[in-house]
Each structure stands twice: as structure tokens, then as C-alpha cells.
Protein backbone atom coordinates (compact mmCIF):
# COMPACT_ATOMS: atom_id res chain seq x y z
CA MET A 1 -6.40 8.97 14.25
CA LYS A 2 -3.57 9.99 17.15
CA LYS A 3 -1.35 13.32 16.85
CA ASP A 4 2.15 12.44 16.31
CA THR A 5 1.19 8.84 15.41
CA ALA A 6 2.66 7.33 11.94
CA TYR A 7 0.36 5.08 10.26
CA TYR A 8 1.74 2.35 8.21
CA HIS A 9 -0.07 1.35 5.26
CA LEU A 10 1.35 -2.39 4.88
CA PRO A 11 1.41 -4.94 1.68
CA GLY A 12 0.00 -8.71 1.04
CA LEU A 13 -3.42 -8.56 2.51
CA PHE A 14 -4.04 -12.12 0.75
CA GLU A 15 -0.56 -12.76 -0.55
CA PHE A 16 1.08 -12.57 3.69
CA TYR A 17 -2.18 -13.84 5.34
CA GLU A 18 0.07 -16.72 6.69
CA PHE A 19 2.84 -13.79 7.77
CA TYR A 20 0.27 -11.44 9.19
CA ARG A 21 -1.43 -14.20 11.42
CA VAL A 22 1.34 -14.60 13.00
CA PHE A 23 3.08 -10.97 12.93
CA LEU A 24 -0.11 -8.94 14.27
CA PRO A 25 -0.21 -11.40 17.58
CA LEU A 26 3.29 -10.67 18.38
CA PHE A 27 2.72 -6.65 17.22
CA ARG A 28 -0.42 -6.87 20.14
CA GLU A 29 1.05 -8.68 22.91
CA HIS A 30 4.44 -7.23 22.75
CA ARG A 31 4.16 -4.00 22.26
CA GLU A 32 7.02 -2.98 23.86
CA TYR A 33 9.09 -4.31 21.06
CA PHE A 34 7.94 -1.96 18.39
CA TYR A 35 8.12 1.86 18.31
CA ASN A 36 5.28 3.71 20.64
CA TRP A 37 4.87 6.27 17.93
CA CYS A 38 3.29 4.06 15.06
CA GLU A 39 0.62 2.03 14.46
CA ILE A 40 -0.61 -0.02 11.70
CA GLY A 41 -3.40 2.19 9.17
CA SER A 42 -4.55 -0.50 7.07
CA ILE A 43 -3.04 -3.75 5.15
CA TYR A 44 -3.62 -3.97 1.49
CA GLY A 45 -3.58 -6.14 -1.35
CA ALA A 46 -5.98 -8.47 -3.56
CA PRO A 47 -6.31 -12.09 -4.75
CA ALA A 48 -4.64 -13.41 -8.02
CA ASP A 49 -6.79 -13.03 -11.39
CA CYS A 50 -8.87 -10.01 -10.31
CA LEU A 51 -9.83 -8.07 -13.09
CA TRP A 52 -9.59 -4.95 -11.29
CA GLY A 53 -6.45 -5.24 -10.15
CA GLY A 54 -3.48 -2.99 -10.79
CA GLY A 55 0.32 -1.64 -9.71
CA ARG A 56 1.12 -5.40 -9.56
CA ALA A 57 -0.37 -8.88 -10.24
CA GLY A 58 -2.61 -9.80 -7.82
CA PHE A 59 -1.22 -12.44 -5.54
CA GLY A 60 -1.89 -14.73 -2.87
CA ASP A 61 -4.61 -17.33 -1.99
CA GLY A 62 -5.46 -16.66 1.44
CA SER A 63 -9.28 -17.02 1.64
CA PRO A 64 -11.51 -13.54 1.75
CA GLN A 65 -13.39 -14.72 4.44
CA ASP A 66 -10.30 -15.18 6.47
CA VAL A 67 -8.80 -12.37 5.63
CA LEU A 68 -11.23 -10.52 6.69
CA ALA A 69 -11.86 -12.34 10.05
CA LEU A 70 -8.09 -11.65 10.64
CA MET A 71 -8.36 -7.85 10.11
CA LYS A 72 -11.37 -7.27 12.04
CA GLU A 73 -9.77 -9.54 14.84
CA TYR A 74 -7.10 -7.01 15.19
CA GLY A 75 -8.87 -3.88 14.32
CA ILE A 76 -7.01 -3.08 10.92
CA SER A 77 -8.64 -1.70 8.06
CA ALA A 78 -8.43 -3.99 4.99
CA ARG A 79 -7.78 -2.39 1.27
CA LEU A 80 -8.79 -3.78 -2.01
CA THR A 81 -6.10 -2.98 -4.44
CA PHE A 82 -8.24 -2.18 -7.58
CA SER A 83 -6.04 0.20 -9.49
CA ASN A 84 -6.49 -0.96 -13.16
CA SER A 85 -6.05 1.99 -15.12
CA LEU A 86 -7.69 0.59 -18.86
CA LEU A 87 -11.10 -0.45 -17.44
CA LYS A 88 -14.46 -0.28 -19.41
CA GLU A 89 -17.65 0.04 -18.52
CA GLU A 90 -18.24 -3.89 -19.31
CA HIS A 91 -15.43 -4.76 -16.72
CA LEU A 92 -17.84 -3.25 -13.85
CA THR A 93 -20.21 -6.50 -14.05
CA ASP A 94 -16.92 -8.53 -13.11
CA LYS A 95 -18.48 -11.10 -10.61
CA LYS A 96 -15.26 -11.42 -8.61
CA CYS A 97 -14.23 -8.07 -7.96
CA ASN A 98 -18.05 -7.11 -6.89
CA ALA A 99 -17.97 -9.70 -4.34
CA LEU A 100 -15.25 -8.83 -3.18
CA CYS A 101 -16.45 -5.42 -2.54
CA ALA A 102 -20.19 -6.43 -1.24
CA LEU A 103 -18.23 -8.80 1.72
CA PHE A 104 -15.32 -6.09 2.78
CA ALA A 105 -17.96 -3.29 2.48
CA HIS A 106 -19.96 -4.91 5.41
CA ASP A 107 -17.27 -5.30 7.80
CA SER A 108 -19.27 -2.93 10.76
CA ALA A 109 -15.71 -2.95 12.97
CA VAL A 110 -13.74 -1.27 10.99
CA LYS A 111 -14.26 0.87 7.87
CA ASN A 112 -12.41 -0.73 4.65
CA GLY A 113 -11.31 0.86 1.26
CA VAL A 114 -10.32 0.24 -1.89
CA ILE A 115 -7.26 1.93 -4.08
CA VAL A 116 -8.13 3.09 -7.46
CA TYR A 117 -7.20 4.51 -10.47
CA ALA A 118 -9.71 4.60 -12.97
CA ASP A 119 -12.66 7.59 -12.23
CA LEU A 120 -15.26 4.68 -14.00
CA LEU A 121 -14.96 2.43 -11.13
CA VAL A 122 -14.55 5.32 -8.92
CA ASP A 123 -18.59 5.87 -9.57
CA HIS A 124 -19.79 2.57 -9.53
CA LEU A 125 -17.75 2.03 -6.30
CA ARG A 126 -19.73 4.91 -4.71
CA ARG A 127 -23.08 4.02 -5.80
CA ASN A 128 -22.76 0.41 -5.09
CA TYR A 129 -20.24 0.15 -1.98
CA PRO A 130 -20.55 3.73 -0.55
CA ASP A 131 -19.37 2.03 3.04
CA LEU A 132 -15.72 1.69 1.01
CA TYR A 133 -13.63 4.68 1.51
CA LEU A 134 -11.30 5.34 -1.47
CA VAL A 135 -7.50 5.86 -2.20
CA SER A 136 -6.18 7.32 -4.85
CA SER A 137 -3.49 5.31 -6.49
CA THR A 138 0.32 6.08 -6.99
CA THR A 139 -0.22 4.19 -10.16
CA LYS A 140 -1.22 7.95 -11.34
CA VAL A 141 2.09 8.79 -11.15
CA LEU A 142 1.20 12.12 -9.60
CA LYS A 143 4.94 13.62 -9.95
CA ASP A 144 3.43 17.39 -10.58
CA PHE A 145 2.60 19.06 -7.43
CA ILE A 146 -0.42 20.89 -9.00
CA GLN A 147 -1.80 17.62 -10.18
CA LEU A 148 -1.60 16.67 -6.74
CA HIS A 149 -3.19 19.12 -5.13
CA GLU A 150 -5.53 18.81 -7.22
CA GLU A 151 -6.09 15.14 -6.71
CA VAL A 152 -6.20 16.20 -2.95
CA ILE A 153 -9.46 18.65 -2.94
CA ARG A 154 -11.13 16.14 -4.39
CA ASP A 155 -14.11 14.63 -2.29
CA GLU A 156 -14.21 11.12 -3.49
CA PHE A 157 -10.73 10.40 -1.89
CA GLN A 158 -9.85 9.80 1.78
CA PHE A 159 -6.12 9.19 0.65
CA VAL A 160 -3.99 10.24 -2.06
CA VAL A 161 -0.53 8.50 -3.18
CA PRO A 162 1.81 11.12 -4.63
CA ASP A 163 4.61 9.90 -6.97
CA PHE A 164 7.64 9.13 -4.64
CA ARG A 165 9.49 11.63 -6.61
CA LEU A 166 7.62 14.40 -4.61
CA ASN A 167 8.25 12.76 -1.54
CA LYS A 168 11.07 15.41 -0.53
CA ALA A 169 9.18 18.66 -2.02
CA PHE A 170 8.71 19.68 1.56
CA ASP A 171 8.27 23.70 0.34
CA LYS A 172 5.20 22.81 -1.76
CA LEU A 173 3.98 19.84 0.63
CA ASP A 174 4.06 22.64 3.41
CA THR A 175 1.67 24.96 1.66
CA LEU A 176 -1.17 22.30 1.94
CA SER A 177 -3.97 22.95 4.79
CA ALA A 178 -4.07 20.51 8.19
CA GLY A 179 -6.78 18.76 6.26
CA GLN A 180 -4.65 17.98 3.31
CA LYS A 181 -1.97 16.83 4.49
CA ASP A 182 -4.07 14.01 6.48
CA LYS A 183 -5.08 12.84 3.20
CA ILE A 184 -1.46 12.42 2.00
CA GLU A 185 0.15 9.14 1.74
CA PHE A 186 3.65 8.94 1.16
CA LEU A 187 5.10 5.96 -0.48
CA CYS A 188 8.49 5.15 1.74
CA ASN A 189 10.74 2.39 -0.09
CA GLU A 190 10.45 2.52 -3.90
CA CYS A 191 13.64 1.17 -5.53
CA CYS A 192 12.10 2.15 -9.06
CA TYR A 193 15.02 4.51 -10.60
CA PHE A 194 14.44 8.25 -9.55
CA GLY A 195 14.43 9.37 -13.26
CA CYS A 196 12.56 6.92 -14.77
CA LYS A 197 10.14 7.96 -17.64
CA ASP A 198 8.62 4.85 -18.31
CA ARG A 199 6.70 4.36 -14.72
CA LYS A 200 3.39 5.12 -15.64
CA GLU A 201 3.63 2.68 -19.06
CA CYS A 202 4.93 0.15 -16.48
CA TYR A 203 1.62 0.46 -14.60
CA GLU A 204 -0.55 0.33 -17.20
CA THR A 205 1.29 -2.74 -18.53
CA VAL A 206 0.13 -4.44 -15.13
CA SER A 207 -3.31 -3.22 -16.03
CA ARG A 208 -3.09 -4.98 -19.66
CA ARG A 209 -1.79 -7.85 -17.98
CA ASN A 210 -4.89 -7.90 -15.33
CA LEU A 211 -7.51 -7.57 -18.41
CA GLY A 212 -5.86 -10.96 -20.35
CA GLU A 213 -3.52 -8.77 -22.63
CA ASP A 214 -0.18 -9.65 -24.24
CA CYS A 215 2.72 -7.78 -22.72
CA SER A 216 5.63 -9.16 -24.22
CA ASP A 217 6.14 -5.91 -26.18
CA PHE A 218 7.20 -3.89 -23.03
CA HIS A 219 10.39 -3.81 -21.34
CA CYS A 220 11.42 -1.81 -18.58
CA ASN A 221 14.36 0.54 -19.60
CA ALA A 222 15.50 1.37 -16.25
CA PRO A 223 19.28 1.18 -15.09
CA ASP A 224 19.47 -2.13 -13.16
CA SER A 225 16.04 -2.81 -13.65
CA GLU A 226 17.44 -6.69 -14.12
CA GLY A 227 18.57 -6.53 -10.52
CA GLY A 228 15.16 -6.64 -8.97
CA TYR A 229 14.03 -4.84 -5.39
CA ARG A 230 16.86 -4.52 -3.11
CA PHE A 231 16.14 -2.72 0.23
CA SER A 232 19.49 -1.72 0.25
CA LYS A 233 19.11 0.35 -3.07
CA ALA A 234 15.74 1.70 -1.96
CA MET A 235 17.57 3.61 0.94
CA LYS A 236 20.01 5.15 -1.59
CA ASN A 237 16.80 6.65 -3.49
CA GLN A 238 16.47 10.05 -3.58
CA GLY A 239 12.77 9.44 -2.58
CA PHE A 240 13.36 7.02 0.13
CA ILE A 241 11.58 7.77 3.31
CA GLY A 242 13.83 6.59 6.85
CA ILE A 243 12.49 6.30 10.16
CA GLN A 244 14.51 9.35 11.11
CA ASP A 245 12.56 11.43 8.10
CA ILE A 246 9.58 10.15 9.52
CA GLN A 247 10.15 11.20 12.80
CA LYS A 248 12.30 14.39 12.37
CA ARG A 249 10.58 16.05 9.31
CA TYR A 250 7.15 14.40 8.27
CA LEU A 251 5.39 14.17 11.60
CA PRO A 252 6.13 17.55 12.50
CA MET A 253 5.16 18.70 9.31
CA GLY A 254 1.40 17.21 9.97
CA PHE A 255 1.70 14.15 7.83
CA SER A 256 0.76 11.06 9.29
CA ASN A 257 0.75 8.13 6.55
CA PHE A 258 3.05 5.99 5.21
CA LYS A 259 2.69 3.24 2.67
CA ILE A 260 5.25 0.61 2.47
CA GLU A 261 5.36 -1.39 -0.68
CA GLY A 262 6.23 -5.03 -1.12
CA ARG A 263 3.85 -7.15 -2.76
CA SER A 264 5.18 -9.90 -5.04
CA LEU A 265 8.67 -9.62 -2.98
CA GLY A 266 7.99 -12.42 -0.50
CA SER A 267 7.46 -12.65 3.22
CA ALA A 268 11.15 -12.72 4.33
CA LEU A 269 11.39 -9.13 3.13
CA ILE A 270 8.38 -7.54 4.54
CA LEU A 271 9.35 -9.08 7.85
CA GLU A 272 12.81 -6.77 7.04
CA PHE A 273 10.51 -3.98 6.38
CA LEU A 274 8.46 -4.29 9.76
CA LEU A 275 11.70 -4.54 11.20
CA TYR A 276 13.33 -1.57 9.81
CA TYR A 277 9.90 0.70 10.23
CA MET A 278 8.39 -0.34 13.40
CA THR A 279 10.72 -2.36 15.52
CA LYS A 280 12.97 -0.99 17.89
CA PRO A 281 16.49 -1.85 17.44
CA GLU A 282 17.48 -3.72 20.39
CA TYR A 283 14.17 -6.22 19.72
CA GLN A 284 14.58 -6.98 16.13
CA LEU A 285 16.61 -9.80 16.49
CA LYS A 286 14.05 -11.22 19.00
CA VAL A 287 11.33 -10.30 16.85
CA ARG A 288 13.24 -11.85 13.99
CA GLU A 289 13.87 -15.31 15.68
CA GLU A 290 9.93 -15.77 16.59
CA ILE A 291 8.78 -15.11 13.25
CA TYR A 292 11.43 -17.76 11.76
CA LEU A 293 12.11 -20.06 14.47
CA ASP A 294 8.57 -20.40 15.57
CA ASN A 295 7.03 -20.55 11.95
CA MET A 296 9.54 -21.38 9.59
CA LEU A 297 7.68 -24.11 7.84
CA ASP A 298 4.72 -22.15 7.60
CA LEU A 299 5.87 -19.21 6.12
CA PHE A 300 8.94 -19.69 4.39
């Protein structure tokens, strides 16, 4: 990784395949539109109906072969979101998920990864797909710094995504070594209520749903949960990380990796994230026009 560069990890590997098929050429051919201090570190996601899926229910029907070819063309790491927290031994033989891991493990140009929760799956992946790097999922809800530190020092993980409520714990975060800071990947734009006590249960509900279980008994009790995701609301969250924070606080402290959430939110909102986090203000309208006007029928 380059020094003083922010690496963004973007959502919708399968769900927004058509969007990235338009955006990535623009990002490469008109790099002057975008901040020179940021790069795309990876794009993450999973197809629909993946047993190992977690965090959000799987979305997108992009062909795995096409998705992988696109990532290879632009030299971007692909990450499979296999963060189901409730996996059992019998789930490890799932053909679809194993086939995806086998496919993505054999990309020689760029190293691909898996976002994972269950230690059972960690062991399975290390044993059968050692070429895939592993990311400790934010669905573990690591909001205690001691827990985070214990996770960071595990050799299995190349990256660890803490709970967003640790984003501003600067005094504690600055005690990490340089190598440990390289492994931290902050979730920037979470909209969830900062004081939520049901976050882990919410993620477990998604895991249950991906396993085909009835989840109708769970209801989020967080204030304003019925309003859904709003970027304007996320910006007011105590854990929000904006571009000024990244440039003036996180990069100077030695942190380089930033995750943008957004699976299931739609291509239009993903574009707004990329405009805010990556695009110079004077080019934001131009990028928006090129995406909307030239490709609207394909994307929206």
C-alpha cells in the first residue's frame, strides 16, 4: 500500500456489477476527476442465496465469472461477504459457496479475500483456499477496544473491521503499532443508531435468514429505524468518518483502510457515496452526468 493514501472498500460486488462496469472505466480514464490521495482497495459482496452470507442478505445476479473478469481488468481485489455467524459443520460442504471460493482463489493477478465471522469457516478457508486473505467482519460488533486488539493480533486476518462506535476512540487506537494500524478498516458511513443495543442480534437475524430460518420475530427497536438509510442522517452519526477526518486525522495517524457500506441501498446512493468520498467537488456534477445521462437505462 502507498503511504498517505486512503484505500476504500466498496459495496455491491455482484449487486452493482453493471454500475461498476460503467464507473471503473471513468475512474481509470479520468483520474483527474478524483482525489489523488485515494484508491479503491476492494469491492465486496455476495450473490443472492449464499448460505454463508451475512451482514446483509445476498443481492445481485451478476455472473461470478463476469464479476471476477471485471475486477481483474481493473486490478481490484474482490471480497466475498461470508460473515454468517451461525454456521455449523454441515454447512461447510455447501457447493455454491465452495465453488465461489475456488473461483476467486485462482485469480493470479490480484489477491482476493473473504469477509468472515465464524472461526469454523476461518479454519475451512485456510485449509482449502489458502490463497484467499481473510477479513474479520464488523458483524462481530467489536465495540470494546480490548476485544478489537485481541482480534487484530490474530495472524489469520489481514484486515479487521471494528464496530463503528470505536471510530473516534483515538487515544486507544493510537496505541496500536504501525503494523496493527495497517490491519484496521473503519466503517465510515454507518447510519445505525449510535446507542443501539440490538446490533449483534440484527446481524444474527440476517444469518438466520440466509440459513432459511423464520426471522419474523425480530424487530429493530432503534429510534427512527423505520426511516431506513439516509446519508444525511449518517453524516450526523457520532461515528461518521468524513473526508476531512480521513485526510487530517486518520491518515496522519497511520490508518489507511476505510469501508463504505451500501449493499441493498441502490446504485444511485452508491454513486453519491463515491462522489462524496472520492470525487473532487468541481467534477462531481460531471461524474454524475456521465453516469446518469449516458447509462441511465442500464443502471437505474
